[in-house]
Protein backbone atom coordinates (compact mmCIF):
# COMPACT_ATOMS: atom_id res chain seq x y z
CA MET A 1 -42.19 -39.86 -131.88
CA SER A 2 -41.15 -39.24 -135.27
CA PRO A 3 -37.15 -38.35 -135.53
CA TYR A 4 -38.04 -35.62 -137.85
CA PHE A 5 -40.48 -34.33 -135.14
CA ILE A 6 -37.82 -34.48 -132.47
CA GLY A 7 -35.56 -32.61 -134.83
CA PHE A 8 -37.71 -29.82 -135.10
CA LEU A 9 -38.32 -29.76 -131.60
CA ILE A 10 -34.67 -29.12 -131.05
CA TRP A 11 -34.06 -26.63 -133.61
CA PHE A 12 -37.26 -24.88 -132.27
CA ALA A 13 -36.13 -24.85 -128.77
CA ALA A 14 -32.74 -23.77 -130.01
CA VAL A 15 -33.69 -20.78 -132.37
CA ASN A 16 -36.01 -19.54 -129.74
CA ILE A 17 -32.93 -19.66 -127.09
CA ILE A 18 -30.85 -17.98 -129.71
CA SER A 19 -33.08 -15.48 -130.45
CA ALA A 20 -33.89 -14.50 -126.70
CA VAL A 21 -30.01 -14.18 -125.81
CA ILE A 22 -29.35 -11.86 -128.96
CA THR A 23 -32.32 -9.95 -128.25
CA ILE A 24 -31.02 -9.08 -124.74
CA TYR A 25 -27.64 -8.70 -125.80
CA ASP A 26 -28.93 -6.00 -128.34
CA LYS A 27 -30.40 -4.44 -125.73
CA ARG A 28 -27.42 -4.36 -123.41
CA GLN A 29 -25.65 -2.96 -126.93
CA ALA A 30 -28.16 -0.14 -127.03
CA LYS A 31 -27.50 0.78 -123.30
CA ILE A 32 -24.06 1.42 -124.00
CA ASN A 33 -23.77 2.79 -127.46
CA GLY A 34 -22.10 -0.38 -128.53
CA TRP A 35 -22.26 -2.68 -131.56
CA ARG A 36 -26.02 -3.77 -132.37
CA ILE A 37 -27.41 -6.68 -134.02
CA SER A 38 -29.01 -5.32 -137.45
CA GLU A 39 -33.14 -5.49 -137.65
CA LYS A 40 -32.44 -7.72 -140.66
CA SER A 41 -30.87 -9.98 -138.64
CA LEU A 42 -33.21 -9.84 -135.98
CA LEU A 43 -36.07 -10.71 -138.48
CA PHE A 44 -34.22 -13.13 -140.00
CA LEU A 45 -34.11 -14.84 -136.75
CA SER A 46 -37.76 -14.66 -136.44
CA ILE A 47 -38.19 -16.22 -139.81
CA LEU A 48 -36.14 -19.16 -139.06
CA GLY A 49 -38.49 -19.99 -136.18
CA GLY A 50 -37.31 -18.13 -133.27
CA GLY A 51 -40.27 -15.45 -133.50
CA PRO A 52 -42.04 -16.50 -130.09
CA GLY A 53 -39.09 -16.47 -127.96
CA MET A 54 -37.63 -12.94 -129.34
CA TYR A 55 -41.07 -11.41 -129.28
CA PHE A 56 -41.93 -12.40 -125.64
CA THR A 57 -38.13 -11.64 -124.72
CA MET A 58 -38.87 -7.98 -126.46
CA LYS A 59 -41.80 -7.55 -124.05
CA ILE A 60 -40.50 -8.48 -121.07
CA ILE A 61 -37.04 -6.37 -121.38
CA ARG A 62 -39.27 -3.56 -123.39
CA HIS A 63 -36.68 -3.56 -126.50
CA LYS A 64 -38.20 -2.50 -129.99
CA THR A 65 -41.43 -2.30 -128.32
CA LYS A 66 -42.53 0.81 -130.19
CA ARG A 67 -41.42 -0.20 -133.74
CA LYS A 68 -44.10 -1.50 -135.55
CA LYS A 69 -42.01 -3.71 -137.87
CA PHE A 70 -41.27 -5.84 -134.81
CA MET A 71 -44.68 -5.69 -133.02
CA LEU A 72 -46.52 -6.58 -135.75
CA GLY A 73 -44.11 -7.84 -137.86
CA ILE A 74 -43.24 -10.78 -135.69
CA PRO A 75 -46.73 -12.02 -134.78
CA LEU A 76 -47.49 -11.98 -138.52
CA ILE A 77 -44.35 -14.15 -139.32
CA VAL A 78 -45.69 -16.43 -136.35
CA LEU A 79 -48.95 -16.80 -137.79
CA ALA A 80 -47.63 -17.18 -141.37
CA GLN A 81 -45.64 -20.19 -139.89
CA ILE A 82 -48.53 -21.85 -138.14
CA LEU A 83 -50.67 -21.58 -141.07
CA LEU A 84 -48.00 -23.19 -143.39
CA ALA A 85 -47.35 -26.02 -140.77
CA ALA A 86 -51.00 -26.51 -140.85
CA ALA A 87 -51.79 -26.70 -144.45
CA TRP A 88 -48.52 -28.99 -144.68
CA PHE A 89 -49.64 -31.26 -141.87
CA ILE A 90 -53.57 -31.23 -143.41
CA GLY A 91 -52.46 -31.57 -146.90
């Protein structure tokens, strides 16, 4: 296996774990009216590759599920990333 691929897998796992933890943190802060993570930061984590972890965590803990920006935006970001990766590997 290529060291680049192994590096990618480590990055992908780490950014998805971080995204899930930050999503849970934001949900807890929302419940107690505490300091929140900005929506821009959450979407940026999704762009960095944490979309799957964030999306499934949001669905499980029911956080931001009424916001189209997240429920449509994150899957579209993930789809765009998959298409870009496929184009890069094929081309």
